[in-house]
Every structure is written in C-alpha cells, then in structure tokens.
Amino acid sequence: MFEIYHLKYAKQTYLSHLKDALYYSYLSTKASIIFIIHGIVPCILTHKGGTIINNLNEKILQKKSNIDKLYNDELVIISN
C-alpha cells in the first residue's frame, strides 16, 4: 500500500526523495562490492563496507526519527 503522506512528513519533493533513494542505493551497492572483494581477499577492506552500512543506517534512522516526530506532532494537533 502506498503511504500517501510519506513525502509530506519527510518534507521532501518527489525529486529530492528520489535523489536520496538513489544515493542510498549507490552506497548499498558500493558496500556490497566492497564485501565481495573482502570475501575474496580477506586481508583488505576489513572495515570499509561495515562503516558505509553503519553510516547509512544512522542517516536513515535520523530521517525516520524526524518523520516520526512530525507525524506524532501532527496527530496531537489533529486530536486537539
């Protein structure tokens, strides 16, 4: 099901949302390639892939936290 208010609560336009999604996809692909290389040659890139994933996770959690806060604030306003 589509979340019709997702862009509103994210305070993003469709294009800015697409840009973020493409950037997250790029970082995920980059980390994936690094993990494959590390799997083949275990002595190199020992932390790089994990660092990329951890940083990406922090960005997504921060954005989700902001969206949740806006959503909850909106619910308080509507219920009053």
C-alpha atoms as a PDB file:
ATOM      1  CA  MET A   1       0.000   0.000   0.000  1.00  0.00           C
ATOM      2  CA  PHE A   2       1.221   3.486  -0.787  1.00  0.00           C
ATOM      3  CA  GLU A   3       1.986   5.857   2.049  1.00  0.00           C
ATOM      4  CA  ILE A   4       0.423   8.962   0.531  1.00  0.00           C
ATOM      5  CA  TYR A   5       1.693  11.252   3.274  1.00  0.00           C
ATOM      6  CA  HIS A   6       5.259   9.940   3.247  1.00  0.00           C
ATOM      7  CA  LEU A   7       6.679  12.804   1.186  1.00  0.00           C
ATOM      8  CA  LYS A   8       4.744  15.353   3.221  1.00  0.00           C
ATOM      9  CA  TYR A   9       6.079  14.089   6.546  1.00  0.00           C
ATOM     10  CA  ALA A  10       9.558  13.678   5.101  1.00  0.00           C
ATOM     11  CA  LYS A  11       9.306  17.304   3.963  1.00  0.00           C
ATOM     12  CA  GLN A  12      10.630  16.277   0.572  1.00  0.00           C
ATOM     13  CA  THR A  13       9.595  16.712  -3.001  1.00  0.00           C
ATOM     14  CA  TYR A  14       9.350  13.672  -5.208  1.00  0.00           C
ATOM     15  CA  LEU A  15      12.683  14.542  -6.858  1.00  0.00           C
ATOM     16  CA  SER A  16      14.538  15.101  -3.570  1.00  0.00           C
ATOM     17  CA  HIS A  17      13.138  11.801  -2.293  1.00  0.00           C
ATOM     18  CA  LEU A  18      14.279  10.066  -5.484  1.00  0.00           C
ATOM     19  CA  LYS A  19      17.735  11.643  -5.124  1.00  0.00           C
ATOM     20  CA  ASP A  20      18.028  10.305  -1.546  1.00  0.00           C
ATOM     21  CA  ALA A  21      16.839   6.841  -2.597  1.00  0.00           C
ATOM     22  CA  LEU A  22      19.354   6.718  -5.442  1.00  0.00           C
ATOM     23  CA  TYR A  23      22.132   7.848  -3.103  1.00  0.00           C
ATOM     24  CA  TYR A  24      21.212   5.132  -0.579  1.00  0.00           C
ATOM     25  CA  SER A  25      21.187   2.602  -3.406  1.00  0.00           C
ATOM     26  CA  TYR A  26      24.624   3.784  -4.551  1.00  0.00           C
ATOM     27  CA  LEU A  27      26.060   3.444  -1.039  1.00  0.00           C
ATOM     28  CA  SER A  28      24.499  -0.005  -0.609  1.00  0.00           C
ATOM     29  CA  THR A  29      25.921  -1.171  -3.940  1.00  0.00           C
ATOM     30  CA  LYS A  30      29.332   0.250  -3.063  1.00  0.00           C
ATOM     31  CA  ALA A  31      29.302  -1.591   0.282  1.00  0.00           C
ATOM     32  CA  SER A  32      28.173  -4.791  -1.437  1.00  0.00           C
ATOM     33  CA  ILE A  33      31.075  -4.663  -3.887  1.00  0.00           C
ATOM     34  CA  ILE A  34      33.488  -3.996  -1.021  1.00  0.00           C
ATOM     35  CA  PHE A  35      32.087  -7.017   0.872  1.00  0.00           C
ATOM     36  CA  ILE A  36      32.579  -9.223  -2.206  1.00  0.00           C
ATOM     37  CA  ILE A  37      36.170  -8.022  -2.621  1.00  0.00           C
ATOM     38  CA  HIS A  38      36.808  -8.550   1.084  1.00  0.00           C
ATOM     39  CA  GLY A  39      35.326 -12.046   0.827  1.00  0.00           C
ATOM     40  CA  ILE A  40      37.795 -12.910  -1.925  1.00  0.00           C
ATOM     41  CA  VAL A  41      40.796 -11.193  -0.294  1.00  0.00           C
ATOM     42  CA  PRO A  42      40.091 -11.161   3.459  1.00  0.00           C
ATOM     43  CA  CYS A  43      43.144  -9.093   4.395  1.00  0.00           C
ATOM     44  CA  ILE A  44      41.890  -5.944   2.615  1.00  0.00           C
ATOM     45  CA  LEU A  45      38.934  -3.621   3.180  1.00  0.00           C
ATOM     46  CA  THR A  46      38.334  -5.141   6.609  1.00  0.00           C
ATOM     47  CA  HIS A  47      36.162  -2.290   7.925  1.00  0.00           C
ATOM     48  CA  LYS A  48      35.161  -0.163   4.921  1.00  0.00           C
ATOM     49  CA  GLY A  49      31.925  -1.976   3.979  1.00  0.00           C
ATOM     50  CA  GLY A  50      30.681  -2.065   7.566  1.00  0.00           C
ATOM     51  CA  THR A  51      31.481   1.614   8.030  1.00  0.00           C
ATOM     52  CA  ILE A  52      29.455   2.530   4.942  1.00  0.00           C
ATOM     53  CA  ILE A  53      26.480   0.451   6.132  1.00  0.00           C
ATOM     54  CA  ASN A  54      26.648   1.860   9.678  1.00  0.00           C
ATOM     55  CA  ASN A  55      26.764   5.445   8.372  1.00  0.00           C
ATOM     56  CA  LEU A  56      23.858   4.757   6.029  1.00  0.00           C
ATOM     57  CA  ASN A  57      21.873   3.210   8.884  1.00  0.00           C
ATOM     58  CA  GLU A  58      22.469   6.303  11.047  1.00  0.00           C
ATOM     59  CA  LYS A  59      21.242   8.584   8.228  1.00  0.00           C
ATOM     60  CA  ILE A  60      18.102   6.519   7.698  1.00  0.00           C
ATOM     61  CA  LEU A  61      17.333   6.257  11.425  1.00  0.00           C
ATOM     62  CA  GLN A  62      17.772  10.018  11.846  1.00  0.00           C
ATOM     63  CA  LYS A  63      15.457  10.714   8.926  1.00  0.00           C
ATOM     64  CA  LYS A  64      12.912   8.204  10.301  1.00  0.00           C
ATOM     65  CA  SER A  65      13.101   9.829  13.719  1.00  0.00           C
ATOM     66  CA  ASN A  66      12.376  13.226  12.176  1.00  0.00           C
ATOM     67  CA  ILE A  67       9.440  11.812  10.196  1.00  0.00           C
ATOM     68  CA  ASP A  68       8.022  10.017  13.269  1.00  0.00           C
ATOM     69  CA  LYS A  69       8.278  13.219  15.320  1.00  0.00           C
ATOM     70  CA  LEU A  70       6.485  15.254  12.657  1.00  0.00           C
ATOM     71  CA  TYR A  71       3.812  12.570  12.331  1.00  0.00           C
ATOM     72  CA  ASN A  72       3.245  12.419  16.089  1.00  0.00           C
ATOM     73  CA  ASP A  73       3.144  16.227  16.349  1.00  0.00           C
ATOM     74  CA  GLU A  74       0.537  16.292  13.562  1.00  0.00           C
ATOM     75  CA  LEU A  75      -1.581  13.678  15.362  1.00  0.00           C
ATOM     76  CA  VAL A  76      -1.534  15.800  18.540  1.00  0.00           C
ATOM     77  CA  ILE A  77      -2.674  18.858  16.592  1.00  0.00           C
ATOM     78  CA  ILE A  78      -5.450  16.903  14.849  1.00  0.00           C
ATOM     79  CA  SER A  79      -6.709  15.321  18.061  1.00  0.00           C
ATOM     80  CA  ASN A  80      -6.954  18.700  19.847  1.00  0.00           C
END
